[in-house]
Structure formats: C-alpha cells, structure tokens
Amino acid sequence: MKIKPLLNRVVIEQDDAQGKTLGGLILPDSAKEKPYSGRIVAKGDKATLVEVGDIVLYQKYRGTDISIDGKEYMIMQQEDILAIQ
C-alpha cells in the first residue's frame, strides 16, 4: 500500500457492488448501490480497535473515496466503523 493514514484513520478496500437483484435482474452501473463493507488495508497509529485484514461494516455517507492504481478505496475515521466481521 502506497498510502499511510494518519492518527485514527483507516483505508478500506470496498467490496464490489451487487450487479443483480434478488429476482435475477442485471443492474447497470448507475443503479448499483454502493456497498457498506470492505477490508482494511492500512491503518494509522492511533487506530487500535481494528487490524489490517479485518472485514468491517461502516456508516453510510462517511469517509472519502480515493483511487490508487485504478482500485477504489475509502479513507475514514475508525469511529465510523460499525462492526468487525
């Protein structure tokens, strides 16, 4: 990872959005709902409740979306994480 978050922030690799409905309809990219879970790939020194590799659920409308080497990530504060799987 080329980025090191500061303090209590974490970098999350977001899960892929679902491309189908429960009924089997294929959704276009514009209709896919953004996932609210992902894997922690980096953490700041003060982020003590999570570890790199943890799968987490986080709050909607939190964090900052970034793109590194063509992959989508999110940077957010540790406090915006709701649960660890």
PDB file of N, CA and C in Angstrom:
ATOM      1  N   MET A   1       0.865  -1.176   0.000  1.00  0.00           N
ATOM      2  CA  MET A   1       0.000   0.000   0.000  1.00  0.00           C
ATOM      3  C   MET A   1       0.901   1.225   0.000  1.00  0.00           C
ATOM      4  N   LYS A   2       0.613   2.140  -0.904  1.00  0.00           N
ATOM      5  CA  LYS A   2       1.421   3.346  -1.049  1.00  0.00           C
ATOM      6  C   LYS A   2       0.946   4.490  -0.170  1.00  0.00           C
ATOM      7  N   ILE A   3      -0.035   4.257   0.661  1.00  0.00           N
ATOM      8  CA  ILE A   3      -0.592   5.330   1.471  1.00  0.00           C
ATOM      9  C   ILE A   3      -0.610   4.900   2.930  1.00  0.00           C
ATOM     10  N   LYS A   4      -0.254   5.820   3.808  1.00  0.00           N
ATOM     11  CA  LYS A   4      -0.263   5.555   5.250  1.00  0.00           C
ATOM     12  C   LYS A   4      -1.213   6.557   5.890  1.00  0.00           C
ATOM     13  N   PRO A   5      -2.378   6.107   6.370  1.00  0.00           N
ATOM     14  CA  PRO A   5      -3.318   7.038   7.005  1.00  0.00           C
ATOM     15  C   PRO A   5      -2.755   7.568   8.324  1.00  0.00           C
ATOM     16  N   LEU A   6      -3.176   8.749   8.691  1.00  0.00           N
ATOM     17  CA  LEU A   6      -2.701   9.380   9.917  1.00  0.00           C
ATOM     18  C   LEU A   6      -3.663   9.151  11.069  1.00  0.00           C
ATOM     19  N   LEU A   7      -3.129   9.174  12.278  1.00  0.00           N
ATOM     20  CA  LEU A   7      -3.874   9.097  13.523  1.00  0.00           C
ATOM     21  C   LEU A   7      -4.839   7.920  13.561  1.00  0.00           C
ATOM     22  N   ASN A   8      -6.154   8.190  13.698  1.00  0.00           N
ATOM     23  CA  ASN A   8      -7.138   7.121  13.875  1.00  0.00           C
ATOM     24  C   ASN A   8      -7.864   6.772  12.574  1.00  0.00           C
ATOM     25  N   ARG A   9      -7.282   7.097  11.436  1.00  0.00           N
ATOM     26  CA  ARG A   9      -7.935   6.818  10.154  1.00  0.00           C
ATOM     27  C   ARG A   9      -7.513   5.449   9.622  1.00  0.00           C
ATOM     28  N   VAL A  10      -8.394   4.873   8.799  1.00  0.00           N
ATOM     29  CA  VAL A  10      -8.125   3.588   8.159  1.00  0.00           C
ATOM     30  C   VAL A  10      -8.403   3.701   6.668  1.00  0.00           C
ATOM     31  N   VAL A  11      -7.755   2.856   5.880  1.00  0.00           N
ATOM     32  CA  VAL A  11      -8.021   2.766   4.451  1.00  0.00           C
ATOM     33  C   VAL A  11      -8.735   1.443   4.225  1.00  0.00           C
ATOM     34  N   ILE A  12      -9.895   1.506   3.559  1.00  0.00           N
ATOM     35  CA  ILE A  12     -10.729   0.329   3.341  1.00  0.00           C
ATOM     36  C   ILE A  12     -10.855   0.067   1.850  1.00  0.00           C
ATOM     37  N   GLU A  13     -10.582  -1.176   1.459  1.00  0.00           N
ATOM     38  CA  GLU A  13     -10.843  -1.618   0.097  1.00  0.00           C
ATOM     39  C   GLU A  13     -12.301  -2.048   0.054  1.00  0.00           C
ATOM     40  N   GLN A  14     -13.108  -1.336  -0.702  1.00  0.00           N
ATOM     41  CA  GLN A  14     -14.548  -1.561  -0.706  1.00  0.00           C
ATOM     42  C   GLN A  14     -14.905  -2.853  -1.422  1.00  0.00           C
ATOM     43  N   ASP A  15     -15.943  -3.532  -0.915  1.00  0.00           N
ATOM     44  CA  ASP A  15     -16.496  -4.697  -1.599  1.00  0.00           C
ATOM     45  C   ASP A  15     -17.145  -4.240  -2.900  1.00  0.00           C
ATOM     46  N   ASP A  16     -17.235  -5.142  -3.851  1.00  0.00           N
ATOM     47  CA  ASP A  16     -17.892  -4.827  -5.126  1.00  0.00           C
ATOM     48  C   ASP A  16     -19.389  -4.681  -4.924  1.00  0.00           C
ATOM     49  N   ALA A  17     -19.984  -3.756  -5.670  1.00  0.00           N
ATOM     50  CA  ALA A  17     -21.433  -3.576  -5.633  1.00  0.00           C
ATOM     51  C   ALA A  17     -22.102  -4.770  -6.312  1.00  0.00           C
ATOM     52  N   GLN A  18     -23.270  -5.137  -5.827  1.00  0.00           N
ATOM     53  CA  GLN A  18     -24.013  -6.254  -6.404  1.00  0.00           C
ATOM     54  C   GLN A  18     -24.525  -5.869  -7.786  1.00  0.00           C
ATOM     55  N   GLY A  19     -24.352  -6.749  -8.760  1.00  0.00           N
ATOM     56  CA  GLY A  19     -24.765  -6.489 -10.128  1.00  0.00           C
ATOM     57  C   GLY A  19     -26.120  -7.075 -10.478  1.00  0.00           C
ATOM     58  N   LYS A  20     -26.747  -7.806  -9.524  1.00  0.00           N
ATOM     59  CA  LYS A  20     -28.050  -8.423  -9.776  1.00  0.00           C
ATOM     60  C   LYS A  20     -28.986  -8.163  -8.603  1.00  0.00           C
ATOM     61  N   THR A  21     -30.267  -8.119  -8.895  1.00  0.00           N
ATOM     62  CA  THR A  21     -31.269  -8.036  -7.836  1.00  0.00           C
ATOM     63  C   THR A  21     -31.547  -9.450  -7.337  1.00  0.00           C
ATOM     64  N   LEU A  22     -32.300  -9.568  -6.259  1.00  0.00           N
ATOM     65  CA  LEU A  22     -32.665 -10.886  -5.744  1.00  0.00           C
ATOM     66  C   LEU A  22     -33.489 -11.668  -6.753  1.00  0.00           C
ATOM     67  N   GLY A  23     -34.218 -10.975  -7.588  1.00  0.00           N
ATOM     68  CA  GLY A  23     -35.031 -11.621  -8.616  1.00  0.00           C
ATOM     69  C   GLY A  23     -34.235 -12.007  -9.853  1.00  0.00           C
ATOM     70  N   GLY A  24     -32.962 -11.641  -9.929  1.00  0.00           N
ATOM     71  CA  GLY A  24     -32.108 -12.028 -11.042  1.00  0.00           C
ATOM     72  C   GLY A  24     -31.928 -10.977 -12.122  1.00  0.00           C
ATOM     73  N   LEU A  25     -32.489  -9.782 -11.943  1.00  0.00           N
ATOM     74  CA  LEU A  25     -32.321  -8.719 -12.935  1.00  0.00           C
ATOM     75  C   LEU A  25     -30.907  -8.149 -12.835  1.00  0.00           C
ATOM     76  N   ILE A  26     -30.272  -7.934 -13.980  1.00  0.00           N
ATOM     77  CA  ILE A  26     -28.925  -7.366 -14.011  1.00  0.00           C
ATOM     78  C   ILE A  26     -29.048  -5.842 -13.969  1.00  0.00           C
ATOM     79  N   LEU A  27     -28.297  -5.221 -13.069  1.00  0.00           N
ATOM     80  CA  LEU A  27     -28.359  -3.770 -12.880  1.00  0.00           C
ATOM     81  C   LEU A  27     -27.238  -3.075 -13.645  1.00  0.00           C
ATOM     82  N   PRO A  28     -27.522  -1.928 -14.259  1.00  0.00           N
ATOM     83  CA  PRO A  28     -26.447  -1.138 -14.858  1.00  0.00           C
ATOM     84  C   PRO A  28     -25.621  -0.480 -13.748  1.00  0.00           C
ATOM     85  N   ASP A  29     -24.410  -0.046 -14.087  1.00  0.00           N
ATOM     86  CA  ASP A  29     -23.525   0.553 -13.088  1.00  0.00           C
ATOM     87  C   ASP A  29     -24.168   1.725 -12.358  1.00  0.00           C
ATOM     88  N   SER A  30     -24.982   2.517 -13.050  1.00  0.00           N
ATOM     89  CA  SER A  30     -25.597   3.690 -12.428  1.00  0.00           C
ATOM     90  C   SER A  30     -26.641   3.322 -11.376  1.00  0.00           C
ATOM     91  N   ALA A  31     -27.157   2.107 -11.404  1.00  0.00           N
ATOM     92  CA  ALA A  31     -28.205   1.695 -10.464  1.00  0.00           C
ATOM     93  C   ALA A  31     -27.673   0.858  -9.304  1.00  0.00           C
ATOM     94  N   LYS A  32     -26.405   0.499  -9.355  1.00  0.00           N
ATOM     95  CA  LYS A  32     -25.840  -0.326  -8.288  1.00  0.00           C
ATOM     96  C   LYS A  32     -25.685   0.497  -7.014  1.00  0.00           C
ATOM     97  N   GLU A  33     -26.079  -0.092  -5.901  1.00  0.00           N
ATOM     98  CA  GLU A  33     -25.931   0.590  -4.616  1.00  0.00           C
ATOM     99  C   GLU A  33     -24.531   0.335  -4.075  1.00  0.00           C
ATOM    100  N   LYS A  34     -23.930   1.381  -3.580  1.00  0.00           N
ATOM    101  CA  LYS A  34     -22.584   1.300  -3.037  1.00  0.00           C
ATOM    102  C   LYS A  34     -22.571   0.405  -1.793  1.00  0.00           C
ATOM    103  N   PRO A  35     -21.610  -0.500  -1.691  1.00  0.00           N
ATOM    104  CA  PRO A  35     -21.560  -1.375  -0.517  1.00  0.00           C
ATOM    105  C   PRO A  35     -21.090  -0.613   0.720  1.00  0.00           C
ATOM    106  N   TYR A  36     -21.412  -1.142   1.867  1.00  0.00           N
ATOM    107  CA  TYR A  36     -21.006  -0.513   3.132  1.00  0.00           C
ATOM    108  C   TYR A  36     -20.149  -1.463   3.939  1.00  0.00           C
ATOM    109  N   SER A  37     -19.349  -2.243   3.221  1.00  0.00           N
ATOM    110  CA  SER A  37     -18.406  -3.142   3.880  1.00  0.00           C
ATOM    111  C   SER A  37     -17.146  -3.225   3.040  1.00  0.00           C
ATOM    112  N   GLY A  38     -16.086  -3.678   3.679  1.00  0.00           N
ATOM    113  CA  GLY A  38     -14.817  -3.805   2.976  1.00  0.00           C
ATOM    114  C   GLY A  38     -13.740  -4.328   3.899  1.00  0.00           C
ATOM    115  N   ARG A  39     -12.535  -4.435   3.349  1.00  0.00           N
ATOM    116  CA  ARG A  39     -11.388  -4.973   4.086  1.00  0.00           C
ATOM    117  C   ARG A  39     -10.399  -3.852   4.374  1.00  0.00           C
ATOM    118  N   ILE A  40      -9.907  -3.805   5.595  1.00  0.00           N
ATOM    119  CA  ILE A  40      -8.926  -2.789   5.985  1.00  0.00           C
ATOM    120  C   ILE A  40      -7.573  -3.159   5.388  1.00  0.00           C
ATOM    121  N   VAL A  41      -6.990  -2.215   4.633  1.00  0.00           N
ATOM    122  CA  VAL A  41      -5.691  -2.459   4.002  1.00  0.00           C
ATOM    123  C   VAL A  41      -4.569  -1.634   4.624  1.00  0.00           C
ATOM    124  N   ALA A  42      -4.910  -0.601   5.384  1.00  0.00           N
ATOM    125  CA  ALA A  42      -3.915   0.213   6.087  1.00  0.00           C
ATOM    126  C   ALA A  42      -4.601   0.928   7.235  1.00  0.00           C
ATOM    127  N   LYS A  43      -3.837   1.240   8.272  1.00  0.00           N
ATOM    128  CA  LYS A  43      -4.402   1.958   9.420  1.00  0.00           C
ATOM    129  C   LYS A  43      -3.363   2.875  10.026  1.00  0.00           C
ATOM    130  N   GLY A  44      -3.853   3.933  10.663  1.00  0.00           N
ATOM    131  CA  GLY A  44      -2.985   4.872  11.336  1.00  0.00           C
ATOM    132  C   GLY A  44      -2.544   4.341  12.690  1.00  0.00           C
ATOM    133  N   ASP A  45      -1.574   5.008  13.289  1.00  0.00           N
ATOM    134  CA  ASP A  45      -1.012   4.566  14.574  1.00  0.00           C
ATOM    135  C   ASP A  45      -2.030   4.563  15.710  1.00  0.00           C
ATOM    136  N   LYS A  46      -3.005   5.439  15.671  1.00  0.00           N
ATOM    137  CA  LYS A  46      -3.989   5.539  16.756  1.00  0.00           C
ATOM    138  C   LYS A  46      -5.233   4.682  16.536  1.00  0.00           C
ATOM    139  N   ALA A  47      -5.331   3.975  15.412  1.00  0.00           N
ATOM    140  CA  ALA A  47      -6.465   3.082  15.140  1.00  0.00           C
ATOM    141  C   ALA A  47      -6.173   1.746  15.816  1.00  0.00           C
ATOM    142  N   THR A  48      -6.637   1.616  17.053  1.00  0.00           N
ATOM    143  CA  THR A  48      -6.277   0.447  17.869  1.00  0.00           C
ATOM    144  C   THR A  48      -7.353  -0.625  17.908  1.00  0.00           C
ATOM    145  N   LEU A  49      -8.560  -0.340  17.463  1.00  0.00           N
ATOM    146  CA  LEU A  49      -9.653  -1.306  17.560  1.00  0.00           C
ATOM    147  C   LEU A  49      -9.732  -2.259  16.371  1.00  0.00           C
ATOM    148  N   VAL A  50      -9.037  -1.942  15.289  1.00  0.00           N
ATOM    149  CA  VAL A  50      -9.079  -2.772  14.083  1.00  0.00           C
ATOM    150  C   VAL A  50      -7.664  -3.142  13.668  1.00  0.00           C
ATOM    151  N   GLU A  51      -7.571  -4.192  12.855  1.00  0.00           N
ATOM    152  CA  GLU A  51      -6.286  -4.629  12.331  1.00  0.00           C
ATOM    153  C   GLU A  51      -6.366  -4.715  10.816  1.00  0.00           C
ATOM    154  N   VAL A  52      -5.227  -4.622  10.161  1.00  0.00           N
ATOM    155  CA  VAL A  52      -5.178  -4.793   8.712  1.00  0.00           C
ATOM    156  C   VAL A  52      -5.675  -6.203   8.382  1.00  0.00           C
ATOM    157  N   GLY A  53      -6.574  -6.297   7.421  1.00  0.00           N
ATOM    158  CA  GLY A  53      -7.154  -7.573   7.034  1.00  0.00           C
ATOM    159  C   GLY A  53      -8.550  -7.794   7.587  1.00  0.00           C
ATOM    160  N   ASP A  54      -8.966  -7.009   8.591  1.00  0.00           N
ATOM    161  CA  ASP A  54     -10.321  -7.141   9.148  1.00  0.00           C
ATOM    162  C   ASP A  54     -11.361  -6.755   8.103  1.00  0.00           C
ATOM    163  N   ILE A  55     -12.478  -7.483   8.082  1.00  0.00           N
ATOM    164  CA  ILE A  55     -13.635  -7.135   7.261  1.00  0.00           C
ATOM    165  C   ILE A  55     -14.556  -6.312   8.154  1.00  0.00           C
ATOM    166  N   VAL A  56     -14.924  -5.111   7.704  1.00  0.00           N
ATOM    167  CA  VAL A  56     -15.693  -4.202   8.544  1.00  0.00           C
ATOM    168  C   VAL A  56     -16.950  -3.720   7.829  1.00  0.00           C
ATOM    169  N   LEU A  57     -17.930  -3.311   8.626  1.00  0.00           N
ATOM    170  CA  LEU A  57     -19.129  -2.629   8.143  1.00  0.00           C
ATOM    171  C   LEU A  57     -19.023  -1.191   8.625  1.00  0.00           C
ATOM    172  N   TYR A  58     -19.339  -0.240   7.751  1.00  0.00           N
ATOM    173  CA  TYR A  58     -19.180   1.166   8.124  1.00  0.00           C
ATOM    174  C   TYR A  58     -20.429   1.962   7.785  1.00  0.00           C
ATOM    175  N   GLN A  59     -20.478   3.178   8.327  1.00  0.00           N
ATOM    176  CA  GLN A  59     -21.648   4.039   8.169  1.00  0.00           C
ATOM    177  C   GLN A  59     -21.762   4.579   6.749  1.00  0.00           C
ATOM    178  N   LYS A  60     -23.001   4.745   6.339  1.00  0.00           N
ATOM    179  CA  LYS A  60     -23.304   5.322   5.032  1.00  0.00           C
ATOM    180  C   LYS A  60     -22.919   6.807   5.044  1.00  0.00           C
ATOM    181  N   TYR A  61     -22.457   7.308   3.921  1.00  0.00           N
ATOM    182  CA  TYR A  61     -22.089   8.723   3.744  1.00  0.00           C
ATOM    183  C   TYR A  61     -20.938   9.161   4.634  1.00  0.00           C
ATOM    184  N   ARG A  62     -20.033   8.275   4.947  1.00  0.00           N
ATOM    185  CA  ARG A  62     -18.845   8.631   5.727  1.00  0.00           C
ATOM    186  C   ARG A  62     -17.606   8.363   4.884  1.00  0.00           C
ATOM    187  N   GLY A  63     -16.528   8.986   5.241  1.00  0.00           N
ATOM    188  CA  GLY A  63     -15.264   8.720   4.580  1.00  0.00           C
ATOM    189  C   GLY A  63     -15.089   9.486   3.287  1.00  0.00           C
ATOM    190  N   THR A  64     -13.903   9.301   2.706  1.00  0.00           N
ATOM    191  CA  THR A  64     -13.533   9.962   1.469  1.00  0.00           C
ATOM    192  C   THR A  64     -13.109   8.897   0.463  1.00  0.00           C
ATOM    193  N   ASP A  65     -13.736   8.904  -0.705  1.00  0.00           N
ATOM    194  CA  ASP A  65     -13.379   7.953  -1.759  1.00  0.00           C
ATOM    195  C   ASP A  65     -12.081   8.387  -2.420  1.00  0.00           C
ATOM    196  N   ILE A  66     -11.172   7.417  -2.645  1.00  0.00           N
ATOM    197  CA  ILE A  66      -9.921   7.688  -3.347  1.00  0.00           C
ATOM    198  C   ILE A  66      -9.664   6.550  -4.320  1.00  0.00           C
ATOM    199  N   SER A  67      -8.825   6.804  -5.303  1.00  0.00           N
ATOM    200  CA  SER A  67      -8.433   5.784  -6.264  1.00  0.00           C
ATOM    201  C   SER A  67      -6.911   5.708  -6.277  1.00  0.00           C
ATOM    202  N   ILE A  68      -6.377   4.495  -6.074  1.00  0.00           N
ATOM    203  CA  ILE A  68      -4.937   4.266  -6.099  1.00  0.00           C
ATOM    204  C   ILE A  68      -4.672   3.123  -7.062  1.00  0.00           C
ATOM    205  N   ASP A  69      -3.870   3.373  -8.079  1.00  0.00           N
ATOM    206  CA  ASP A  69      -3.532   2.363  -9.089  1.00  0.00           C
ATOM    207  C   ASP A  69      -4.781   1.731  -9.695  1.00  0.00           C
ATOM    208  N   GLY A  70      -5.823   2.525  -9.918  1.00  0.00           N
ATOM    209  CA  GLY A  70      -7.035   2.043 -10.553  1.00  0.00           C
ATOM    210  C   GLY A  70      -8.003   1.302  -9.642  1.00  0.00           C
ATOM    211  N   LYS A  71      -7.679   1.155  -8.357  1.00  0.00           N
ATOM    212  CA  LYS A  71      -8.580   0.491  -7.406  1.00  0.00           C
ATOM    213  C   LYS A  71      -9.229   1.549  -6.526  1.00  0.00           C
ATOM    214  N   GLU A  72     -10.475   1.283  -6.148  1.00  0.00           N
ATOM    215  CA  GLU A  72     -11.229   2.218  -5.319  1.00  0.00           C
ATOM    216  C   GLU A  72     -11.055   1.880  -3.839  1.00  0.00           C
ATOM    217  N   TYR A  73     -10.752   2.895  -3.043  1.00  0.00           N
ATOM    218  CA  TYR A  73     -10.591   2.758  -1.607  1.00  0.00           C
ATOM    219  C   TYR A  73     -11.373   3.867  -0.916  1.00  0.00           C
ATOM    220  N   MET A  74     -11.507   3.755   0.379  1.00  0.00           N
ATOM    221  CA  MET A  74     -12.154   4.777   1.183  1.00  0.00           C
ATOM    222  C   MET A  74     -11.290   5.023   2.418  1.00  0.00           C
ATOM    223  N   ILE A  75     -11.072   6.282   2.737  1.00  0.00           N
ATOM    224  CA  ILE A  75     -10.379   6.654   3.976  1.00  0.00           C
ATOM    225  C   ILE A  75     -11.427   7.183   4.929  1.00  0.00           C
ATOM    226  N   MET A  76     -11.435   6.668   6.153  1.00  0.00           N
ATOM    227  CA  MET A  76     -12.390   7.141   7.156  1.00  0.00           C
ATOM    228  C   MET A  76     -11.795   7.012   8.545  1.00  0.00           C
ATOM    229  N   GLN A  77     -12.423   7.668   9.491  1.00  0.00           N
ATOM    230  CA  GLN A  77     -12.000   7.553  10.877  1.00  0.00           C
ATOM    231  C   GLN A  77     -12.479   6.231  11.448  1.00  0.00           C
ATOM    232  N   GLN A  78     -11.700   5.696  12.358  1.00  0.00           N
ATOM    233  CA  GLN A  78     -12.040   4.436  12.994  1.00  0.00           C
ATOM    234  C   GLN A  78     -13.418   4.475  13.641  1.00  0.00           C
ATOM    235  N   GLU A  79     -13.845   5.621  14.148  1.00  0.00           N
ATOM    236  CA  GLU A  79     -15.131   5.758  14.831  1.00  0.00           C
ATOM    237  C   GLU A  79     -16.327   5.563  13.899  1.00  0.00           C
ATOM    238  N   ASP A  80     -16.109   5.654  12.577  1.00  0.00           N
ATOM    239  CA  ASP A  80     -17.203   5.469  11.624  1.00  0.00           C
ATOM    240  C   ASP A  80     -17.437   3.998  11.288  1.00  0.00           C
ATOM    241  N   ILE A  81     -16.617   3.112  11.833  1.00  0.00           N
ATOM    242  CA  ILE A  81     -16.795   1.679  11.625  1.00  0.00           C
ATOM    243  C   ILE A  81     -17.820   1.169  12.648  1.00  0.00           C
ATOM    244  N   LEU A  82     -18.814   0.436  12.146  1.00  0.00           N
ATOM    245  CA  LEU A  82     -19.892  -0.038  12.999  1.00  0.00           C
ATOM    246  C   LEU A  82     -19.624  -1.420  13.576  1.00  0.00           C
ATOM    247  N   ALA A  83     -18.993  -2.307  12.806  1.00  0.00           N
ATOM    248  CA  ALA A  83     -18.783  -3.686  13.256  1.00  0.00           C
ATOM    249  C   ALA A  83     -17.624  -4.326  12.510  1.00  0.00           C
ATOM    250  N   ILE A  84     -17.050  -5.327  13.138  1.00  0.00           N
ATOM    251  CA  ILE A  84     -15.990  -6.131  12.532  1.00  0.00           C
ATOM    252  C   ILE A  84     -16.538  -7.542  12.350  1.00  0.00           C
ATOM    253  N   GLN A  85     -16.391  -8.097  11.163  1.00  0.00           N
ATOM    254  CA  GLN A  85     -16.867  -9.462  10.910  1.00  0.00           C
ATOM    255  C   GLN A  85     -15.793 -10.459  11.258  1.00  0.00           C
TER     256      GLN A  85
END
